[in-house]
Amino acid sequence: MILLCRLIWREFQKILMGMYVGADLAALCTEAALQCIREKMDVIDLEDETIDAQILNSMAVTNEHLHTALGTSNPSVLRETVSFFFRLI
């Protein structure tokens, strides 16, 4: 599956800064990929053992998928905790 992430890294970093750990990022990417798959479920034949290569090649995780995943995922670190530690520095 192709990941088309057109978010500027700095923008993405601002969204995730200090709240998401590595496992959160993995879950975020997984949820974005699952969202992409859910959109193609109407053209995937679940009774076949394989998925047609054209269908697989047409799948691409987009910014919309990532933003949807952001809306459904919860970071491990609470914003209050992050702001508390930044005040200590």
N, C-alpha and C. Protein backbone atom coordinates (compact mmCIF):
# COMPACT_ATOMS: atom_id res chain seq x y z
N MET A 1 0.84 -1.17 0.00
CA MET A 1 0.00 0.00 0.00
C MET A 1 0.89 1.24 0.00
N ILE A 2 0.50 2.21 -0.73
CA ILE A 2 1.28 3.42 -0.88
C ILE A 2 0.82 4.45 0.15
N LEU A 3 1.77 5.13 0.78
CA LEU A 3 1.42 6.19 1.71
C LEU A 3 1.68 7.53 1.05
N LEU A 4 0.62 8.26 0.74
CA LEU A 4 0.76 9.59 0.16
C LEU A 4 0.50 10.61 1.25
N CYS A 5 1.54 11.07 1.87
CA CYS A 5 1.39 12.03 2.96
C CYS A 5 1.86 13.38 2.47
N ARG A 6 0.90 14.25 2.17
CA ARG A 6 1.25 15.56 1.68
C ARG A 6 1.28 16.61 2.78
N LEU A 7 1.10 16.16 4.01
CA LEU A 7 1.24 17.10 5.11
C LEU A 7 2.69 17.54 5.19
N ILE A 8 2.90 18.82 5.35
CA ILE A 8 4.26 19.30 5.57
C ILE A 8 4.71 18.78 6.92
N TRP A 9 5.94 18.28 6.99
CA TRP A 9 6.42 17.64 8.21
C TRP A 9 6.25 18.55 9.41
N ARG A 10 6.53 19.84 9.25
CA ARG A 10 6.41 20.76 10.38
C ARG A 10 4.96 20.85 10.88
N GLU A 11 4.01 20.83 9.95
CA GLU A 11 2.60 20.88 10.34
C GLU A 11 2.22 19.61 11.10
N PHE A 12 2.66 18.46 10.58
CA PHE A 12 2.37 17.18 11.22
C PHE A 12 3.02 17.13 12.60
N GLN A 13 4.23 17.66 12.67
CA GLN A 13 4.97 17.67 13.93
C GLN A 13 4.25 18.54 14.96
N LYS A 14 3.68 19.67 14.53
CA LYS A 14 2.95 20.54 15.45
C LYS A 14 1.73 19.84 16.02
N ILE A 15 1.07 19.04 15.19
CA ILE A 15 -0.12 18.32 15.64
C ILE A 15 0.24 17.26 16.68
N LEU A 16 1.35 16.57 16.47
CA LEU A 16 1.70 15.42 17.30
C LEU A 16 2.70 15.73 18.40
N MET A 17 3.30 16.92 18.38
CA MET A 17 4.42 17.24 19.26
C MET A 17 4.11 17.00 20.73
N GLY A 18 4.93 16.18 21.34
CA GLY A 18 4.86 15.97 22.76
C GLY A 18 3.74 15.10 23.27
N MET A 19 2.86 14.63 22.39
CA MET A 19 1.73 13.84 22.86
C MET A 19 1.76 12.41 22.37
N TYR A 20 2.27 12.18 21.17
CA TYR A 20 2.25 10.85 20.59
C TYR A 20 3.62 10.20 20.73
N VAL A 21 3.64 8.97 21.24
CA VAL A 21 4.87 8.19 21.32
C VAL A 21 4.90 7.24 20.13
N GLY A 22 5.97 6.47 19.99
CA GLY A 22 6.14 5.59 18.84
C GLY A 22 4.97 4.63 18.63
N ALA A 23 4.47 4.04 19.69
CA ALA A 23 3.34 3.10 19.57
C ALA A 23 2.08 3.83 19.10
N ASP A 24 1.93 5.09 19.54
CA ASP A 24 0.78 5.88 19.09
C ASP A 24 0.87 6.16 17.60
N LEU A 25 2.08 6.47 17.12
CA LEU A 25 2.27 6.73 15.69
C LEU A 25 2.00 5.48 14.87
N ALA A 26 2.41 4.33 15.39
CA ALA A 26 2.14 3.07 14.69
C ALA A 26 0.63 2.82 14.62
N ALA A 27 -0.07 3.06 15.72
CA ALA A 27 -1.52 2.88 15.74
C ALA A 27 -2.20 3.88 14.82
N LEU A 28 -1.70 5.10 14.76
CA LEU A 28 -2.24 6.14 13.89
C LEU A 28 -2.11 5.73 12.42
N CYS A 29 -0.94 5.24 12.05
CA CYS A 29 -0.72 4.80 10.66
C CYS A 29 -1.57 3.58 10.32
N THR A 30 -1.71 2.66 11.28
CA THR A 30 -2.55 1.48 11.07
C THR A 30 -4.00 1.88 10.86
N GLU A 31 -4.49 2.79 11.67
CA GLU A 31 -5.88 3.25 11.54
C GLU A 31 -6.09 3.97 10.22
N ALA A 32 -5.12 4.75 9.78
CA ALA A 32 -5.23 5.43 8.48
C ALA A 32 -5.29 4.41 7.35
N ALA A 33 -4.46 3.36 7.43
CA ALA A 33 -4.48 2.31 6.41
C ALA A 33 -5.81 1.55 6.42
N LEU A 34 -6.33 1.27 7.61
CA LEU A 34 -7.61 0.58 7.71
C LEU A 34 -8.75 1.43 7.14
N GLN A 35 -8.67 2.72 7.34
CA GLN A 35 -9.67 3.63 6.77
C GLN A 35 -9.64 3.54 5.24
N CYS A 36 -8.46 3.49 4.68
CA CYS A 36 -8.30 3.35 3.23
C CYS A 36 -8.92 2.04 2.74
N ILE A 37 -8.67 0.96 3.47
CA ILE A 37 -9.22 -0.35 3.11
C ILE A 37 -10.74 -0.35 3.22
N ARG A 38 -11.27 0.27 4.27
CA ARG A 38 -12.73 0.34 4.44
C ARG A 38 -13.41 1.00 3.25
N GLU A 39 -12.76 2.00 2.68
CA GLU A 39 -13.33 2.69 1.52
C GLU A 39 -13.39 1.79 0.29
N LYS A 40 -12.54 0.79 0.20
CA LYS A 40 -12.49 -0.10 -0.96
C LYS A 40 -13.23 -1.42 -0.75
N MET A 41 -13.88 -1.58 0.39
CA MET A 41 -14.53 -2.85 0.69
C MET A 41 -15.61 -3.23 -0.32
N ASP A 42 -16.22 -2.25 -0.96
CA ASP A 42 -17.27 -2.56 -1.94
C ASP A 42 -16.71 -3.19 -3.21
N VAL A 43 -15.43 -3.02 -3.51
CA VAL A 43 -14.84 -3.62 -4.72
C VAL A 43 -13.97 -4.84 -4.41
N ILE A 44 -13.80 -5.17 -3.13
CA ILE A 44 -13.00 -6.33 -2.75
C ILE A 44 -13.94 -7.52 -2.55
N ASP A 45 -13.63 -8.61 -3.24
CA ASP A 45 -14.42 -9.84 -3.09
C ASP A 45 -13.85 -10.63 -1.93
N LEU A 46 -14.58 -10.69 -0.84
CA LEU A 46 -14.10 -11.34 0.37
C LEU A 46 -14.02 -12.85 0.26
N GLU A 47 -14.68 -13.42 -0.74
CA GLU A 47 -14.65 -14.86 -0.90
C GLU A 47 -13.42 -15.33 -1.66
N ASP A 48 -12.76 -14.43 -2.38
CA ASP A 48 -11.51 -14.78 -3.06
C ASP A 48 -10.38 -14.86 -2.04
N GLU A 49 -9.40 -15.72 -2.34
CA GLU A 49 -8.25 -15.84 -1.46
C GLU A 49 -7.25 -14.71 -1.66
N THR A 50 -7.29 -14.09 -2.82
CA THR A 50 -6.37 -12.99 -3.12
C THR A 50 -7.16 -11.75 -3.53
N ILE A 51 -6.48 -10.64 -3.47
CA ILE A 51 -7.06 -9.37 -3.91
C ILE A 51 -6.38 -8.98 -5.21
N ASP A 52 -7.18 -8.55 -6.17
CA ASP A 52 -6.66 -8.17 -7.48
C ASP A 52 -5.60 -7.08 -7.33
N ALA A 53 -4.52 -7.21 -8.10
CA ALA A 53 -3.41 -6.26 -8.03
C ALA A 53 -3.85 -4.84 -8.38
N GLN A 54 -4.80 -4.70 -9.30
CA GLN A 54 -5.28 -3.36 -9.65
C GLN A 54 -5.94 -2.68 -8.47
N ILE A 55 -6.67 -3.44 -7.69
CA ILE A 55 -7.32 -2.88 -6.49
C ILE A 55 -6.26 -2.46 -5.48
N LEU A 56 -5.28 -3.33 -5.26
CA LEU A 56 -4.21 -3.01 -4.31
C LEU A 56 -3.42 -1.78 -4.75
N ASN A 57 -3.14 -1.70 -6.05
CA ASN A 57 -2.37 -0.56 -6.56
C ASN A 57 -3.15 0.74 -6.49
N SER A 58 -4.48 0.64 -6.48
CA SER A 58 -5.29 1.86 -6.42
C SER A 58 -5.44 2.39 -5.00
N MET A 59 -5.03 1.60 -4.02
CA MET A 59 -5.14 2.02 -2.62
C MET A 59 -3.97 2.92 -2.26
N ALA A 60 -4.28 4.03 -1.63
CA ALA A 60 -3.25 4.96 -1.16
C ALA A 60 -3.76 5.69 0.07
N VAL A 61 -2.96 5.69 1.11
CA VAL A 61 -3.32 6.41 2.32
C VAL A 61 -3.06 7.89 2.06
N THR A 62 -4.08 8.70 2.31
CA THR A 62 -4.00 10.13 2.03
C THR A 62 -4.05 10.94 3.33
N ASN A 63 -3.91 12.25 3.18
CA ASN A 63 -4.03 13.14 4.34
C ASN A 63 -5.39 13.00 5.01
N GLU A 64 -6.43 12.81 4.21
CA GLU A 64 -7.77 12.64 4.78
C GLU A 64 -7.82 11.43 5.70
N HIS A 65 -7.20 10.33 5.28
CA HIS A 65 -7.15 9.14 6.11
C HIS A 65 -6.40 9.43 7.42
N LEU A 66 -5.28 10.16 7.31
CA LEU A 66 -4.51 10.49 8.50
C LEU A 66 -5.30 11.40 9.44
N HIS A 67 -5.99 12.37 8.89
CA HIS A 67 -6.78 13.26 9.73
C HIS A 67 -7.95 12.52 10.39
N THR A 68 -8.56 11.59 9.66
CA THR A 68 -9.62 10.77 10.25
C THR A 68 -9.06 9.93 11.39
N ALA A 69 -7.89 9.34 11.15
CA ALA A 69 -7.25 8.53 12.19
C ALA A 69 -6.90 9.38 13.41
N LEU A 70 -6.47 10.61 13.19
CA LEU A 70 -6.18 11.51 14.31
C LEU A 70 -7.43 11.75 15.15
N GLY A 71 -8.57 11.82 14.48
CA GLY A 71 -9.82 12.05 15.20
C GLY A 71 -10.28 10.86 16.02
N THR A 72 -9.84 9.67 15.66
CA THR A 72 -10.28 8.48 16.38
C THR A 72 -9.23 7.93 17.34
N SER A 73 -8.00 8.41 17.24
CA SER A 73 -6.94 7.88 18.11
C SER A 73 -6.75 8.78 19.32
N ASN A 74 -6.24 8.20 20.36
CA ASN A 74 -5.96 8.94 21.58
C ASN A 74 -4.48 8.81 21.90
N PRO A 75 -3.80 9.94 22.09
CA PRO A 75 -2.37 9.86 22.42
C PRO A 75 -2.17 9.31 23.83
N SER A 76 -1.01 8.72 24.06
CA SER A 76 -0.70 8.16 25.38
C SER A 76 -0.45 9.25 26.41
N VAL A 77 0.10 10.38 25.95
CA VAL A 77 0.47 11.46 26.86
C VAL A 77 -0.63 12.51 26.84
N LEU A 78 -1.06 12.93 28.00
CA LEU A 78 -2.06 13.97 28.10
C LEU A 78 -1.42 15.35 27.92
N ARG A 79 -2.12 16.24 27.26
CA ARG A 79 -1.61 17.59 27.00
C ARG A 79 -1.22 18.29 28.31
N GLU A 80 -1.98 18.05 29.38
CA GLU A 80 -1.67 18.68 30.66
C GLU A 80 -0.31 18.22 31.18
N THR A 81 0.00 16.96 30.98
CA THR A 81 1.28 16.42 31.42
C THR A 81 2.42 17.07 30.66
N VAL A 82 2.24 17.23 29.35
CA VAL A 82 3.27 17.83 28.52
C VAL A 82 3.51 19.27 28.94
N SER A 83 2.44 20.04 29.11
CA SER A 83 2.61 21.44 29.50
C SER A 83 3.26 21.56 30.88
N PHE A 84 2.97 20.64 31.78
CA PHE A 84 3.59 20.63 33.10
C PHE A 84 5.10 20.44 32.98
N PHE A 85 5.53 19.48 32.17
CA PHE A 85 6.95 19.22 32.02
C PHE A 85 7.67 20.34 31.28
N PHE A 86 6.99 21.00 30.33
CA PHE A 86 7.60 22.11 29.63
C PHE A 86 7.79 23.30 30.58
N ARG A 87 6.90 23.45 31.55
CA ARG A 87 7.07 24.52 32.53
C ARG A 87 8.25 24.26 33.46
N LEU A 88 8.59 22.99 33.66
CA LEU A 88 9.72 22.64 34.51
C LEU A 88 11.06 22.94 33.85
N ILE A 89 11.05 22.95 32.53
CA ILE A 89 12.31 23.15 31.79
C ILE A 89 12.73 24.59 31.83
